[in-house]
Amino acid sequence: MPIPQNKEALLLAIESAYGKLQEELNTIPVEHTRVKTLAGHAQNTMMSIGDLIAYLIGWANLVLKWYDKKQRNEKILFPEEGYQWNQLGILAQKFYADYDHLDYHQRCEQLEKAVKKIKIIVDQLSNEQLYETLWYNKHTMGRMIQLNTSSAYKNARIRIRKWKKLNKLK
């Protein structure tokens, strides 16, 4: 699927990528979700499937935070307050820790809630707001949302499918 260039394509990309990711997540035995056998987001680290979901929740919630700050005309510190773009591995580890208290199903539910909120926001915005106005550097809001939703879900699904194959899971 090509990079979305308008609101309708963005909604379709989020729905499609998230739906496929959900299908994969629904087939993973819970007992495998805390085992750290996936390459982590920081160099030389390992993560679990649960950590991967926490990472997706973290980025989805950042998108919601960015939007909320924009609505209140507050300064947005990208990617997150206290983190620079060259510290995304450290930010990922923060996300793993932030959601460590949740079990697998609770993490999946948190991700579902965040995705629904993002879709509502996208649905309420105009194509001009999403794709014709720069939001962060050279990126539009639509592009920033896409990078942290549909693209992230596609990447996670690929990682999960490889992991399942290596672990002989269907």
N, C-alpha and C. Protein backbone atom coordinates (compact mmCIF):
# COMPACT_ATOMS: atom_id res chain seq x y z
N MET A 1 0.85 -1.17 0.00
CA MET A 1 0.00 0.00 0.00
C MET A 1 0.90 1.24 0.00
N PRO A 2 0.65 2.18 -0.88
CA PRO A 2 1.47 3.39 -0.96
C PRO A 2 1.27 4.29 0.27
N ILE A 3 2.19 5.23 0.45
CA ILE A 3 2.09 6.18 1.55
C ILE A 3 0.83 7.02 1.36
N PRO A 4 -0.02 7.10 2.38
CA PRO A 4 -1.25 7.89 2.26
C PRO A 4 -0.95 9.36 1.95
N GLN A 5 -1.76 9.91 1.05
CA GLN A 5 -1.61 11.31 0.65
C GLN A 5 -2.85 12.14 0.99
N ASN A 6 -3.85 11.48 1.59
CA ASN A 6 -5.05 12.21 1.98
C ASN A 6 -5.72 11.49 3.15
N LYS A 7 -6.71 12.15 3.70
CA LYS A 7 -7.41 11.67 4.88
C LYS A 7 -7.98 10.26 4.70
N GLU A 8 -8.67 10.04 3.59
CA GLU A 8 -9.30 8.74 3.36
C GLU A 8 -8.27 7.63 3.27
N ALA A 9 -7.17 7.91 2.58
CA ALA A 9 -6.11 6.90 2.46
C ALA A 9 -5.46 6.63 3.81
N LEU A 10 -5.32 7.68 4.63
CA LEU A 10 -4.73 7.51 5.96
C LEU A 10 -5.62 6.62 6.83
N LEU A 11 -6.91 6.90 6.85
CA LEU A 11 -7.82 6.06 7.63
C LEU A 11 -7.80 4.61 7.16
N LEU A 12 -7.79 4.42 5.87
CA LEU A 12 -7.74 3.07 5.31
C LEU A 12 -6.43 2.38 5.69
N ALA A 13 -5.32 3.09 5.63
CA ALA A 13 -4.02 2.52 5.98
C ALA A 13 -3.98 2.11 7.45
N ILE A 14 -4.50 2.97 8.32
CA ILE A 14 -4.52 2.64 9.75
C ILE A 14 -5.39 1.41 9.99
N GLU A 15 -6.60 1.42 9.44
CA GLU A 15 -7.52 0.30 9.63
C GLU A 15 -6.94 -1.00 9.09
N SER A 16 -6.37 -0.95 7.92
CA SER A 16 -5.82 -2.16 7.29
C SER A 16 -4.63 -2.70 8.08
N ALA A 17 -3.66 -1.84 8.35
CA ALA A 17 -2.46 -2.29 9.05
C ALA A 17 -2.77 -2.76 10.46
N TYR A 18 -3.63 -2.02 11.15
CA TYR A 18 -3.98 -2.41 12.52
C TYR A 18 -4.79 -3.72 12.51
N GLY A 19 -5.69 -3.87 11.57
CA GLY A 19 -6.47 -5.11 11.49
C GLY A 19 -5.58 -6.32 11.28
N LYS A 20 -4.61 -6.20 10.41
CA LYS A 20 -3.68 -7.32 10.16
C LYS A 20 -2.81 -7.59 11.38
N LEU A 21 -2.38 -6.53 12.05
CA LEU A 21 -1.59 -6.70 13.27
C LEU A 21 -2.42 -7.41 14.33
N GLN A 22 -3.67 -7.00 14.50
CA GLN A 22 -4.56 -7.64 15.47
C GLN A 22 -4.70 -9.13 15.20
N GLU A 23 -4.84 -9.48 13.95
CA GLU A 23 -4.96 -10.90 13.60
C GLU A 23 -3.74 -11.68 14.08
N GLU A 24 -2.56 -11.11 13.90
CA GLU A 24 -1.33 -11.76 14.37
C GLU A 24 -1.30 -11.85 15.89
N LEU A 25 -1.63 -10.75 16.54
CA LEU A 25 -1.59 -10.71 18.01
C LEU A 25 -2.55 -11.72 18.62
N ASN A 26 -3.68 -11.93 17.98
CA ASN A 26 -4.69 -12.86 18.50
C ASN A 26 -4.24 -14.31 18.44
N THR A 27 -3.19 -14.61 17.70
CA THR A 27 -2.74 -16.00 17.57
C THR A 27 -1.54 -16.33 18.46
N ILE A 28 -1.07 -15.36 19.21
CA ILE A 28 0.13 -15.59 20.03
C ILE A 28 -0.29 -16.13 21.41
N PRO A 29 0.25 -17.28 21.77
CA PRO A 29 -0.05 -17.81 23.10
C PRO A 29 0.48 -16.86 24.18
N VAL A 30 -0.35 -16.57 25.17
CA VAL A 30 0.00 -15.60 26.22
C VAL A 30 1.33 -15.95 26.88
N GLU A 31 1.61 -17.22 27.06
CA GLU A 31 2.84 -17.61 27.76
C GLU A 31 4.11 -17.21 26.99
N HIS A 32 3.97 -16.85 25.73
CA HIS A 32 5.13 -16.42 24.93
C HIS A 32 5.31 -14.90 24.90
N THR A 33 4.39 -14.17 25.48
CA THR A 33 4.37 -12.72 25.28
C THR A 33 5.33 -11.94 26.17
N ARG A 34 5.90 -12.57 27.18
CA ARG A 34 6.85 -11.86 28.06
C ARG A 34 8.29 -12.34 27.87
N VAL A 35 8.48 -13.29 26.98
CA VAL A 35 9.82 -13.82 26.73
C VAL A 35 10.56 -12.86 25.79
N LYS A 36 11.73 -12.43 26.21
CA LYS A 36 12.49 -11.44 25.45
C LYS A 36 13.35 -12.14 24.38
N THR A 37 12.72 -12.39 23.24
CA THR A 37 13.41 -13.08 22.15
C THR A 37 13.39 -12.29 20.84
N LEU A 38 12.91 -11.06 20.90
CA LEU A 38 12.92 -10.17 19.72
C LEU A 38 14.01 -9.13 19.90
N ALA A 39 14.64 -8.73 18.82
CA ALA A 39 15.61 -7.63 18.90
C ALA A 39 14.88 -6.38 19.36
N GLY A 40 15.43 -5.72 20.37
CA GLY A 40 14.81 -4.52 20.91
C GLY A 40 15.02 -3.31 20.02
N HIS A 41 14.40 -2.22 20.39
CA HIS A 41 14.51 -0.99 19.61
C HIS A 41 15.81 -0.25 19.90
N ALA A 42 16.46 -0.57 21.01
CA ALA A 42 17.78 -0.02 21.31
C ALA A 42 18.82 -1.05 20.91
N GLN A 43 19.95 -0.57 20.43
CA GLN A 43 21.01 -1.47 19.97
C GLN A 43 21.42 -2.43 21.09
N ASN A 44 21.61 -3.69 20.73
CA ASN A 44 22.06 -4.74 21.64
C ASN A 44 21.10 -5.01 22.79
N THR A 45 19.81 -4.85 22.56
CA THR A 45 18.81 -5.17 23.58
C THR A 45 17.81 -6.16 23.00
N MET A 46 17.11 -6.81 23.89
CA MET A 46 16.06 -7.74 23.49
C MET A 46 14.74 -7.27 24.11
N MET A 47 13.66 -7.62 23.44
CA MET A 47 12.34 -7.28 23.95
C MET A 47 11.40 -8.47 23.73
N SER A 48 10.25 -8.37 24.36
CA SER A 48 9.21 -9.38 24.21
C SER A 48 8.12 -8.86 23.28
N ILE A 49 7.20 -9.73 22.93
CA ILE A 49 6.03 -9.31 22.16
C ILE A 49 5.24 -8.27 22.97
N GLY A 50 5.15 -8.48 24.28
CA GLY A 50 4.49 -7.51 25.14
C GLY A 50 5.17 -6.15 25.09
N ASP A 51 6.50 -6.15 25.03
CA ASP A 51 7.24 -4.89 24.91
C ASP A 51 6.94 -4.22 23.57
N LEU A 52 6.84 -5.01 22.53
CA LEU A 52 6.53 -4.46 21.21
C LEU A 52 5.15 -3.76 21.24
N ILE A 53 4.19 -4.38 21.90
CA ILE A 53 2.88 -3.76 22.03
C ILE A 53 2.98 -2.47 22.85
N ALA A 54 3.77 -2.51 23.93
CA ALA A 54 3.97 -1.31 24.75
C ALA A 54 4.57 -0.18 23.92
N TYR A 55 5.49 -0.52 23.05
CA TYR A 55 6.11 0.45 22.14
C TYR A 55 5.05 1.10 21.25
N LEU A 56 4.17 0.28 20.70
CA LEU A 56 3.10 0.80 19.84
C LEU A 56 2.13 1.68 20.62
N ILE A 57 1.82 1.27 21.85
CA ILE A 57 0.95 2.09 22.70
C ILE A 57 1.63 3.42 22.98
N GLY A 58 2.90 3.37 23.31
CA GLY A 58 3.65 4.58 23.62
C GLY A 58 3.62 5.58 22.49
N TRP A 59 3.87 5.11 21.27
CA TRP A 59 3.86 6.02 20.12
C TRP A 59 2.46 6.51 19.81
N ALA A 60 1.46 5.66 19.93
CA ALA A 60 0.08 6.10 19.70
C ALA A 60 -0.30 7.18 20.70
N ASN A 61 0.09 6.98 21.95
CA ASN A 61 -0.23 7.98 22.96
C ASN A 61 0.56 9.27 22.75
N LEU A 62 1.75 9.17 22.18
CA LEU A 62 2.47 10.40 21.83
C LEU A 62 1.73 11.17 20.75
N VAL A 63 1.22 10.47 19.75
CA VAL A 63 0.44 11.14 18.71
C VAL A 63 -0.74 11.88 19.34
N LEU A 64 -1.42 11.22 20.27
CA LEU A 64 -2.56 11.85 20.94
C LEU A 64 -2.10 13.05 21.77
N LYS A 65 -0.96 12.93 22.42
CA LYS A 65 -0.42 14.04 23.21
C LYS A 65 -0.05 15.22 22.31
N TRP A 66 0.61 14.94 21.19
CA TRP A 66 0.98 16.00 20.25
C TRP A 66 -0.27 16.74 19.78
N TYR A 67 -1.29 15.98 19.43
CA TYR A 67 -2.52 16.59 18.94
C TYR A 67 -3.17 17.45 20.04
N ASP A 68 -3.22 16.92 21.24
CA ASP A 68 -3.82 17.65 22.35
C ASP A 68 -3.07 18.95 22.62
N LYS A 69 -1.76 18.89 22.60
CA LYS A 69 -0.96 20.10 22.81
C LYS A 69 -1.20 21.11 21.69
N LYS A 70 -1.30 20.64 20.47
CA LYS A 70 -1.58 21.52 19.34
C LYS A 70 -2.93 22.21 19.53
N GLN A 71 -3.91 21.46 19.97
CA GLN A 71 -5.24 22.02 20.18
C GLN A 71 -5.23 23.12 21.25
N ARG A 72 -4.33 22.98 22.23
CA ARG A 72 -4.24 23.96 23.31
C ARG A 72 -3.19 25.04 23.02
N ASN A 73 -2.67 25.02 21.78
CA ASN A 73 -1.62 25.97 21.37
C ASN A 73 -0.40 25.94 22.28
N GLU A 74 -0.07 24.76 22.77
CA GLU A 74 1.11 24.57 23.60
C GLU A 74 2.27 24.08 22.73
N LYS A 75 3.46 24.34 23.17
CA LYS A 75 4.65 23.89 22.44
C LYS A 75 4.74 22.37 22.51
N ILE A 76 5.00 21.78 21.38
CA ILE A 76 5.17 20.33 21.30
C ILE A 76 6.66 20.04 21.22
N LEU A 77 7.13 19.23 22.15
CA LEU A 77 8.53 18.83 22.14
C LEU A 77 8.62 17.45 21.48
N PHE A 78 9.04 17.45 20.24
CA PHE A 78 9.15 16.19 19.49
C PHE A 78 10.50 15.55 19.77
N PRO A 79 10.62 14.24 19.88
CA PRO A 79 9.49 13.31 19.88
C PRO A 79 8.75 13.30 21.22
N GLU A 80 9.48 13.56 22.31
CA GLU A 80 8.87 13.58 23.64
C GLU A 80 9.75 14.43 24.55
N GLU A 81 9.14 15.05 25.52
CA GLU A 81 9.91 15.88 26.45
C GLU A 81 11.02 15.04 27.09
N GLY A 82 12.24 15.56 27.02
CA GLY A 82 13.38 14.87 27.60
C GLY A 82 14.08 13.91 26.67
N TYR A 83 13.58 13.78 25.43
CA TYR A 83 14.17 12.85 24.45
C TYR A 83 14.41 13.56 23.14
N GLN A 84 15.49 13.19 22.48
CA GLN A 84 15.82 13.70 21.15
C GLN A 84 15.56 12.57 20.15
N TRP A 85 15.52 12.91 18.88
CA TRP A 85 15.28 11.90 17.85
C TRP A 85 16.37 10.83 17.83
N ASN A 86 17.57 11.16 18.28
CA ASN A 86 18.65 10.16 18.30
C ASN A 86 18.60 9.30 19.57
N GLN A 87 17.54 9.42 20.37
CA GLN A 87 17.38 8.64 21.59
C GLN A 87 16.12 7.78 21.56
N LEU A 88 15.72 7.38 20.37
CA LEU A 88 14.47 6.62 20.26
C LEU A 88 14.56 5.24 20.92
N GLY A 89 15.75 4.66 20.94
CA GLY A 89 15.91 3.38 21.63
C GLY A 89 15.66 3.52 23.12
N ILE A 90 16.14 4.60 23.70
CA ILE A 90 15.92 4.87 25.13
C ILE A 90 14.44 5.15 25.38
N LEU A 91 13.81 5.89 24.47
CA LEU A 91 12.38 6.16 24.58
C LEU A 91 11.59 4.86 24.50
N ALA A 92 12.00 3.97 23.62
CA ALA A 92 11.33 2.67 23.50
C ALA A 92 11.40 1.91 24.83
N GLN A 93 12.56 1.93 25.46
CA GLN A 93 12.69 1.24 26.74
C GLN A 93 11.80 1.87 27.82
N LYS A 94 11.61 3.18 27.74
CA LYS A 94 10.68 3.85 28.64
C LYS A 94 9.27 3.32 28.42
N PHE A 95 8.88 3.18 27.15
CA PHE A 95 7.55 2.64 26.84
C PHE A 95 7.40 1.23 27.38
N TYR A 96 8.43 0.39 27.23
CA TYR A 96 8.35 -0.98 27.76
C TYR A 96 8.04 -0.92 29.25
N ALA A 97 8.76 -0.06 29.97
CA ALA A 97 8.59 0.06 31.43
C ALA A 97 7.22 0.66 31.79
N ASP A 98 6.78 1.64 31.00
CA ASP A 98 5.50 2.30 31.29
C ASP A 98 4.33 1.33 31.32
N TYR A 99 4.38 0.30 30.50
CA TYR A 99 3.24 -0.61 30.39
C TYR A 99 3.55 -2.01 30.92
N ASP A 100 4.66 -2.14 31.63
CA ASP A 100 5.07 -3.44 32.14
C ASP A 100 4.07 -4.02 33.14
N HIS A 101 3.34 -3.16 33.83
CA HIS A 101 2.37 -3.62 34.84
C HIS A 101 1.12 -4.23 34.21
N LEU A 102 0.94 -4.04 32.92
CA LEU A 102 -0.24 -4.57 32.23
C LEU A 102 0.05 -5.96 31.68
N ASP A 103 -0.94 -6.84 31.72
CA ASP A 103 -0.76 -8.14 31.10
C ASP A 103 -0.98 -8.01 29.58
N TYR A 104 -0.77 -9.08 28.88
CA TYR A 104 -0.85 -9.07 27.42
C TYR A 104 -2.19 -8.54 26.91
N HIS A 105 -3.28 -9.05 27.47
CA HIS A 105 -4.60 -8.64 27.00
C HIS A 105 -4.88 -7.17 27.32
N GLN A 106 -4.42 -6.72 28.47
CA GLN A 106 -4.59 -5.31 28.82
C GLN A 106 -3.80 -4.41 27.87
N ARG A 107 -2.62 -4.85 27.49
CA ARG A 107 -1.83 -4.06 26.53
C ARG A 107 -2.54 -3.99 25.19
N CYS A 108 -3.07 -5.12 24.75
CA CYS A 108 -3.81 -5.13 23.48
C CYS A 108 -5.02 -4.19 23.56
N GLU A 109 -5.70 -4.19 24.70
CA GLU A 109 -6.85 -3.30 24.88
C GLU A 109 -6.42 -1.83 24.87
N GLN A 110 -5.29 -1.52 25.51
CA GLN A 110 -4.78 -0.15 25.53
C GLN A 110 -4.44 0.31 24.11
N LEU A 111 -3.83 -0.57 23.34
CA LEU A 111 -3.50 -0.23 21.96
C LEU A 111 -4.77 0.02 21.16
N GLU A 112 -5.74 -0.84 21.33
CA GLU A 112 -7.03 -0.70 20.64
C GLU A 112 -7.67 0.66 20.95
N LYS A 113 -7.69 1.04 22.22
CA LYS A 113 -8.28 2.32 22.63
C LYS A 113 -7.54 3.49 21.98
N ALA A 114 -6.22 3.44 21.98
CA ALA A 114 -5.43 4.53 21.39
C ALA A 114 -5.68 4.63 19.89
N VAL A 115 -5.74 3.49 19.21
CA VAL A 115 -5.99 3.49 17.76
C VAL A 115 -7.37 4.09 17.47
N LYS A 116 -8.36 3.72 18.26
CA LYS A 116 -9.70 4.28 18.05
C LYS A 116 -9.71 5.79 18.22
N LYS A 117 -9.02 6.29 19.25
CA LYS A 117 -8.94 7.74 19.47
C LYS A 117 -8.26 8.44 18.30
N ILE A 118 -7.20 7.85 17.79
CA ILE A 118 -6.49 8.46 16.66
C ILE A 118 -7.40 8.48 15.43
N LYS A 119 -8.11 7.40 15.18
CA LYS A 119 -9.02 7.36 14.03
C LYS A 119 -10.12 8.42 14.15
N ILE A 120 -10.61 8.64 15.36
CA ILE A 120 -11.63 9.68 15.57
C ILE A 120 -11.05 11.05 15.24
N ILE A 121 -9.84 11.31 15.69
CA ILE A 121 -9.18 12.59 15.40
C ILE A 121 -9.00 12.77 13.90
N VAL A 122 -8.47 11.75 13.25
CA VAL A 122 -8.26 11.84 11.80
C VAL A 122 -9.58 12.09 11.10
N ASP A 123 -10.61 11.40 11.52
CA ASP A 123 -11.92 11.56 10.90
C ASP A 123 -12.46 12.99 11.06
N GLN A 124 -12.14 13.63 12.17
CA GLN A 124 -12.64 14.97 12.45
C GLN A 124 -11.84 16.07 11.73
N LEU A 125 -10.62 15.76 11.36
CA LEU A 125 -9.78 16.77 10.71
C LEU A 125 -10.05 16.84 9.22
N SER A 126 -9.75 17.98 8.65
CA SER A 126 -9.90 18.13 7.20
C SER A 126 -8.64 17.63 6.50
N ASN A 127 -8.76 17.40 5.22
CA ASN A 127 -7.61 17.00 4.43
C ASN A 127 -6.55 18.11 4.47
N GLU A 128 -7.00 19.36 4.48
CA GLU A 128 -6.07 20.49 4.55
C GLU A 128 -5.27 20.44 5.85
N GLN A 129 -5.94 20.20 6.98
CA GLN A 129 -5.24 20.12 8.26
C GLN A 129 -4.25 18.96 8.30
N LEU A 130 -4.63 17.86 7.68
CA LEU A 130 -3.79 16.67 7.71
C LEU A 130 -2.64 16.70 6.71
N TYR A 131 -2.89 17.21 5.51
CA TYR A 131 -1.91 17.04 4.44
C TYR A 131 -1.47 18.31 3.72
N GLU A 132 -2.05 19.43 4.05
CA GLU A 132 -1.67 20.64 3.32
C GLU A 132 -1.00 21.69 4.21
N THR A 133 -0.77 21.33 5.47
CA THR A 133 -0.14 22.23 6.42
C THR A 133 1.01 21.50 7.09
N LEU A 134 2.19 22.10 7.12
CA LEU A 134 3.31 21.48 7.81
C LEU A 134 3.06 21.52 9.30
N TRP A 135 3.45 20.42 9.97
CA TRP A 135 3.22 20.30 11.40
C TRP A 135 4.53 20.24 12.16
N TYR A 136 5.43 19.40 11.68
CA TYR A 136 6.73 19.26 12.32
C TYR A 136 7.79 19.24 11.22
N ASN A 137 8.65 20.24 11.23
CA ASN A 137 9.67 20.38 10.18
C ASN A 137 9.00 20.28 8.80
N LYS A 138 9.40 19.27 8.03
CA LYS A 138 8.85 19.13 6.68
C LYS A 138 7.66 18.17 6.62
N HIS A 139 7.20 17.72 7.78
CA HIS A 139 6.14 16.71 7.82
C HIS A 139 4.78 17.32 8.16
N THR A 140 3.77 16.81 7.49
CA THR A 140 2.39 17.19 7.80
C THR A 140 1.91 16.33 8.98
N MET A 141 0.79 16.73 9.54
CA MET A 141 0.20 15.95 10.62
C MET A 141 -0.16 14.55 10.12
N GLY A 142 -0.70 14.47 8.92
CA GLY A 142 -1.06 13.17 8.36
C GLY A 142 0.14 12.25 8.24
N ARG A 143 1.25 12.79 7.82
CA ARG A 143 2.47 11.98 7.68
C ARG A 143 2.98 11.54 9.05
N MET A 144 2.97 12.43 10.03
CA MET A 144 3.42 12.07 11.38
C MET A 144 2.52 11.00 11.99
N ILE A 145 1.23 11.12 11.75
CA ILE A 145 0.30 10.10 12.25
C ILE A 145 0.58 8.78 11.56
N GLN A 146 0.74 8.82 10.25
CA GLN A 146 0.98 7.60 9.49
C GLN A 146 2.27 6.90 9.94
N LEU A 147 3.33 7.66 10.15
CA LEU A 147 4.60 7.07 10.57
C LEU A 147 4.47 6.35 11.91
N ASN A 148 3.60 6.86 12.77
CA ASN A 148 3.49 6.31 14.11
C ASN A 148 2.28 5.42 14.32
N THR A 149 1.57 5.14 13.23
CA THR A 149 0.44 4.21 13.31
C THR A 149 0.60 3.14 12.24
N SER A 150 0.07 3.38 11.06
CA SER A 150 0.06 2.32 10.05
C SER A 150 1.45 1.79 9.71
N SER A 151 2.43 2.65 9.59
CA SER A 151 3.79 2.18 9.30
C SER A 151 4.34 1.35 10.45
N ALA A 152 4.10 1.82 11.67
CA ALA A 152 4.57 1.09 12.84
C ALA A 152 3.87 -0.26 12.97
N TYR A 153 2.57 -0.31 12.63
CA TYR A 153 1.83 -1.57 12.72
C TYR A 153 2.31 -2.57 11.67
N LYS A 154 2.60 -2.08 10.47
CA LYS A 154 3.14 -2.96 9.43
C LYS A 154 4.48 -3.54 9.86
N ASN A 155 5.34 -2.67 10.38
CA ASN A 155 6.66 -3.12 10.83
C ASN A 155 6.52 -4.14 11.96
N ALA A 156 5.65 -3.87 12.91
CA ALA A 156 5.45 -4.80 14.03
C ALA A 156 4.93 -6.14 13.53
N ARG A 157 4.03 -6.12 12.58
CA ARG A 157 3.48 -7.36 12.04
C ARG A 157 4.56 -8.19 11.36
N ILE A 158 5.43 -7.53 10.61
CA ILE A 158 6.54 -8.23 9.97
C ILE A 158 7.44 -8.88 11.01
N ARG A 159 7.76 -8.12 12.06
CA ARG A 159 8.62 -8.64 13.13
C ARG A 159 7.96 -9.83 13.82
N ILE A 160 6.66 -9.73 14.07
CA ILE A 160 5.94 -10.82 14.74
C ILE A 160 5.90 -12.06 13.85
N ARG A 161 5.65 -11.88 12.59
CA ARG A 161 5.58 -13.04 11.68
C ARG A 161 6.93 -13.76 11.62
N LYS A 162 8.03 -13.01 11.57
CA LYS A 162 9.36 -13.62 11.58
C LYS A 162 9.59 -14.34 12.90
N TRP A 163 9.21 -13.69 14.00
CA TRP A 163 9.38 -14.28 15.32
C TRP A 163 8.57 -15.58 15.44
N LYS A 164 7.34 -15.56 14.95
CA LYS A 164 6.49 -16.75 15.01
C LYS A 164 7.11 -17.89 14.21
N LYS A 165 7.66 -17.56 13.06
CA LYS A 165 8.27 -18.58 12.22
C LYS A 165 9.49 -19.20 12.93
N LEU A 166 10.32 -18.34 13.51
CA LEU A 166 11.51 -18.82 14.24
C LEU A 166 11.13 -19.68 15.44
N ASN A 167 10.00 -19.35 16.05
CA ASN A 167 9.55 -20.07 17.24
C ASN A 167 8.53 -21.16 16.93
N LYS A 168 8.37 -21.43 15.64
CA LYS A 168 7.47 -22.47 15.16
C LYS A 168 6.05 -22.33 15.72
N LEU A 169 5.57 -21.11 15.68
CA LEU A 169 4.20 -20.80 16.10
C LEU A 169 3.39 -20.41 14.87
N LYS A 170 2.11 -20.72 14.87
CA LYS A 170 1.28 -20.37 13.72
C LYS A 170 0.52 -19.12 13.97
